[in-house]
Amino acid sequence: MNAIVKDVMSTHVIAVRRDATFKEMASRLREQRVSAFPVLDGDNKVIGIVSEADLLTKEALAGEIPAAFHTMTHHREQAKAAALTAADLMTKPVVTIRPDETVSHAARLMYSRRVKRLPVTAEDGTLIGIVSRADVLSVFSRPDADIRHEITQDLILGTYLCDPAHFTVTVKDGIVTIEGAPETTAVGRDIIESARHVEGVVAVRDRLTYPHP
């Protein structure tokens, strides 16, 4: 069983319109205790995202910027320092995800694109939720007993048609240890590899006794 984004996302999203002012966004960040806003157009479609780091640029680069610092600062950061609205300040194009994508895909996307959150959109681009790094990591709170049951019943018995009595599966803190004697080396390797992809698994220890060639 693989969790999907809609299982872990938040549907209560604090968003702003493209014409939201800097002051309005700074105030809402503090009031709502969030670290970023999706930016919406008139049709509630996501067109960008504004983070607290974007807003901080104005304060950090406020006033006269030393000539030497100009050479170290990207033009985009200087533009953000002068921005007055969400449309001027937002990062675009924004990285989004669909609600039916897997949580593991969301994790890979966050990692590869170096983002802390992903707006969740419908097929037409309409905002329906948001998923954070904490949401993605929540899959590791799955009970060890549930993980063990899935591996023994759904994987070993249901997928590979092996007798679970021939295996000993223990799970502690998400770490799975599998012992036993598979009929073939290929089946044993497949069981181990599939177990690595079970929701909530942190690591798999292969303690199988494989048949001699």
Protein backbone atom coordinates (compact mmCIF):
# COMPACT_ATOMS: atom_id res chain seq x y z
CA MET A 1 0.00 0.00 0.00
CA ASN A 2 1.42 3.36 -1.04
CA ALA A 3 0.02 6.53 0.48
CA ILE A 4 -1.05 9.20 -1.97
CA VAL A 5 -0.85 12.95 -1.62
CA LYS A 6 -4.53 13.48 -0.83
CA ASP A 7 -4.10 11.19 2.20
CA VAL A 8 -1.57 13.50 3.86
CA MET A 9 -2.14 16.98 2.38
CA SER A 10 -3.77 19.89 4.19
CA THR A 11 -6.91 21.26 2.57
CA HIS A 12 -6.84 24.42 4.68
CA VAL A 13 -4.53 26.56 2.59
CA ILE A 14 -3.70 30.20 3.23
CA ALA A 15 -3.31 31.71 -0.24
CA VAL A 16 -3.08 35.24 -1.63
CA ARG A 17 -4.11 36.96 -4.85
CA ARG A 18 -1.53 38.30 -7.26
CA ASP A 19 -2.27 41.89 -6.22
CA ALA A 20 -1.74 41.23 -2.48
CA THR A 21 0.55 43.91 -1.03
CA PHE A 22 3.85 43.29 0.72
CA LYS A 23 2.42 44.56 3.99
CA GLU A 24 -0.63 42.31 3.71
CA MET A 25 1.52 39.24 3.08
CA ALA A 26 3.93 40.03 5.92
CA SER A 27 1.01 40.46 8.32
CA ARG A 28 -0.71 37.23 7.25
CA LEU A 29 2.48 35.21 7.55
CA ARG A 30 2.69 36.24 11.18
CA GLU A 31 -1.02 35.91 11.94
CA GLN A 32 -1.52 32.53 10.24
CA ARG A 33 1.79 30.99 11.37
CA VAL A 34 2.67 29.82 7.86
CA SER A 35 5.94 30.12 5.98
CA ALA A 36 4.65 30.54 2.42
CA PHE A 37 1.62 31.43 0.32
CA PRO A 38 0.48 30.00 -3.02
CA VAL A 39 -0.44 32.92 -5.29
CA LEU A 40 -3.73 32.61 -7.18
CA ASP A 41 -5.19 34.26 -10.25
CA GLY A 42 -8.84 35.21 -10.61
CA ASP A 43 -9.80 31.59 -11.36
CA ASN A 44 -8.13 30.19 -8.22
CA LYS A 45 -5.33 28.68 -10.28
CA VAL A 46 -1.84 28.60 -8.83
CA ILE A 47 0.52 30.95 -10.65
CA GLY A 48 3.37 31.22 -8.13
CA ILE A 49 4.43 31.00 -4.53
CA VAL A 50 5.75 33.55 -2.03
CA SER A 51 7.82 32.38 0.94
CA GLU A 52 9.01 34.15 4.05
CA ALA A 53 12.49 34.03 2.52
CA ASP A 54 11.20 36.08 -0.41
CA LEU A 55 9.75 38.67 1.96
CA LEU A 56 12.92 38.73 4.01
CA THR A 57 14.88 39.86 0.95
CA LYS A 58 13.34 43.32 1.17
CA GLU A 59 14.43 43.76 4.78
CA ALA A 60 17.86 42.26 4.17
CA LEU A 61 18.57 44.43 1.15
CA ALA A 62 16.72 47.53 2.33
CA GLY A 63 18.39 50.89 1.95
CA GLU A 64 21.56 51.58 0.05
CA ILE A 65 23.31 48.40 -1.08
CA PRO A 66 27.12 48.59 -1.07
CA ALA A 67 28.64 48.40 -4.56
CA ALA A 68 30.56 45.25 -3.64
CA PHE A 69 27.33 43.52 -2.64
CA HIS A 70 25.83 44.19 -6.06
CA THR A 71 28.31 41.78 -7.57
CA MET A 72 27.28 39.07 -5.08
CA THR A 73 23.54 39.54 -5.41
CA HIS A 74 21.51 38.07 -8.23
CA HIS A 75 19.32 40.41 -10.22
CA ARG A 76 16.31 38.44 -9.07
CA GLU A 77 17.08 39.15 -5.42
CA GLN A 78 17.40 42.85 -6.16
CA ALA A 79 14.06 42.74 -7.97
CA LYS A 80 12.47 41.03 -4.96
CA ALA A 81 13.84 43.75 -2.70
CA ALA A 82 11.94 46.30 -4.81
CA ALA A 83 8.75 44.21 -5.13
CA LEU A 84 5.46 45.63 -3.85
CA THR A 85 2.94 42.88 -4.67
CA ALA A 86 2.70 39.09 -4.72
CA ALA A 87 2.94 39.11 -8.52
CA ASP A 88 6.27 40.95 -8.32
CA LEU A 89 7.66 38.83 -5.50
CA MET A 90 6.47 35.32 -6.29
CA THR A 91 8.59 32.46 -7.57
CA LYS A 92 7.32 31.09 -10.87
CA PRO A 93 6.67 28.71 -12.44
CA VAL A 94 5.64 27.00 -9.23
CA VAL A 95 6.24 23.29 -8.63
CA THR A 96 2.86 21.61 -8.02
CA ILE A 97 1.58 18.07 -7.61
CA ARG A 98 -1.70 16.23 -8.22
CA PRO A 99 -3.67 14.68 -5.32
CA ASP A 100 -3.44 11.16 -6.78
CA GLU A 101 0.36 11.13 -6.96
CA THR A 102 2.21 8.99 -4.41
CA VAL A 103 3.78 10.49 -1.31
CA SER A 104 7.11 9.00 -2.37
CA HIS A 105 6.88 10.96 -5.64
CA ALA A 106 6.16 14.12 -3.65
CA ALA A 107 9.27 13.44 -1.54
CA ARG A 108 11.45 12.99 -4.63
CA LEU A 109 10.04 16.16 -6.16
CA MET A 110 10.71 18.17 -3.01
CA TYR A 111 14.23 16.82 -2.83
CA SER A 112 15.14 17.34 -6.48
CA ARG A 113 13.58 20.80 -6.73
CA ARG A 114 14.76 21.90 -3.27
CA VAL A 115 11.32 23.05 -2.10
CA LYS A 116 9.70 22.73 1.32
CA ARG A 117 6.09 22.45 0.18
CA LEU A 118 4.02 21.64 -2.89
CA PRO A 119 0.66 23.20 -3.78
CA VAL A 120 -1.76 20.43 -4.72
CA THR A 121 -3.79 21.21 -7.82
CA ALA A 122 -6.64 19.73 -9.79
CA GLU A 123 -6.24 18.95 -13.49
CA ASP A 124 -7.19 22.51 -14.42
CA GLY A 125 -4.61 24.01 -12.07
CA THR A 126 -7.09 24.98 -9.36
CA LEU A 127 -5.66 24.91 -5.83
CA ILE A 128 -7.13 22.16 -3.64
CA GLY A 129 -4.50 21.69 -0.94
CA ILE A 130 -0.86 21.85 0.07
CA VAL A 131 1.62 19.19 1.17
CA SER A 132 4.67 19.93 3.30
CA ARG A 133 7.82 18.02 4.17
CA ALA A 134 6.27 17.17 7.53
CA ASP A 135 3.20 15.75 5.76
CA VAL A 136 5.39 13.57 3.56
CA LEU A 137 7.38 12.28 6.55
CA SER A 138 4.15 11.40 8.38
CA VAL A 139 4.07 8.05 6.55
CA PHE A 140 6.88 6.90 8.86
CA SER A 141 4.51 7.10 11.83
CA ARG A 142 2.75 3.97 10.58
CA PRO A 143 2.56 1.28 13.32
CA ASP A 144 5.09 -1.53 13.10
CA ALA A 145 2.29 -4.09 13.37
CA ASP A 146 0.62 -2.72 10.23
CA ILE A 147 3.89 -2.88 8.32
CA ARG A 148 4.48 -6.48 9.40
CA HIS A 149 0.96 -7.50 8.41
CA GLU A 150 1.34 -6.00 4.94
CA ILE A 151 4.66 -7.73 4.34
CA THR A 152 3.53 -11.15 5.53
CA GLN A 153 -0.02 -11.20 4.17
CA ASP A 154 -0.09 -8.84 1.18
CA LEU A 155 3.48 -9.28 -0.02
CA ILE A 156 4.80 -12.73 0.89
CA LEU A 157 1.46 -14.52 0.63
CA GLY A 158 -0.61 -12.32 -1.69
CA THR A 159 2.01 -11.21 -4.22
CA TYR A 160 4.63 -13.98 -4.21
CA LEU A 161 2.31 -16.85 -3.19
CA CYS A 162 4.73 -18.08 -0.51
CA ASP A 163 3.75 -19.62 2.81
CA PRO A 164 4.29 -16.93 5.50
CA ALA A 165 5.06 -19.75 7.95
CA HIS A 166 8.38 -20.23 6.15
CA PHE A 167 9.43 -16.68 7.02
CA THR A 168 9.95 -14.67 10.18
CA VAL A 169 9.23 -10.98 9.78
CA THR A 170 9.98 -8.60 12.62
CA VAL A 171 9.53 -4.84 12.55
CA LYS A 172 10.87 -2.36 15.10
CA ASP A 173 10.84 1.40 14.61
CA GLY A 174 10.10 0.85 10.93
CA ILE A 175 13.17 -1.37 10.46
CA VAL A 176 12.17 -4.69 8.91
CA THR A 177 14.11 -7.93 9.38
CA ILE A 178 13.14 -10.86 7.17
CA GLU A 179 14.38 -14.37 7.92
CA GLY A 180 13.51 -17.67 6.26
CA ALA A 181 14.25 -19.85 3.26
CA PRO A 182 12.70 -18.79 -0.05
CA GLU A 183 12.21 -21.45 -2.75
CA THR A 184 14.46 -19.58 -5.15
CA THR A 185 17.01 -16.81 -4.90
CA ALA A 186 14.97 -14.68 -7.32
CA VAL A 187 11.86 -14.86 -5.17
CA GLY A 188 13.84 -14.00 -2.05
CA ARG A 189 15.45 -11.00 -3.71
CA ASP A 190 12.08 -9.80 -4.99
CA ILE A 191 10.51 -10.05 -1.53
CA ILE A 192 13.32 -8.00 0.00
CA GLU A 193 13.16 -5.35 -2.72
CA SER A 194 9.36 -5.07 -2.53
CA ALA A 195 9.50 -4.75 1.27
CA ARG A 196 11.72 -1.67 0.88
CA HIS A 197 8.82 0.07 -0.87
CA VAL A 198 6.16 -0.71 1.74
CA GLU A 199 4.77 2.46 3.30
CA GLY A 200 6.47 3.33 6.57
CA VAL A 201 9.52 1.13 6.08
CA VAL A 202 12.75 2.82 7.14
CA ALA A 203 15.12 -0.02 6.20
CA VAL A 204 15.10 -3.74 5.40
CA ARG A 205 17.57 -6.26 6.79
CA ASP A 206 17.97 -9.30 4.57
CA ARG A 207 18.49 -12.37 6.76
CA LEU A 208 17.17 -14.92 4.26
CA THR A 209 18.89 -18.24 3.69
CA TYR A 210 19.14 -18.59 -0.06
CA PRO A 211 19.32 -21.99 -1.80
CA HIS A 212 22.70 -23.04 -3.18
CA PRO A 213 23.06 -22.79 -6.97
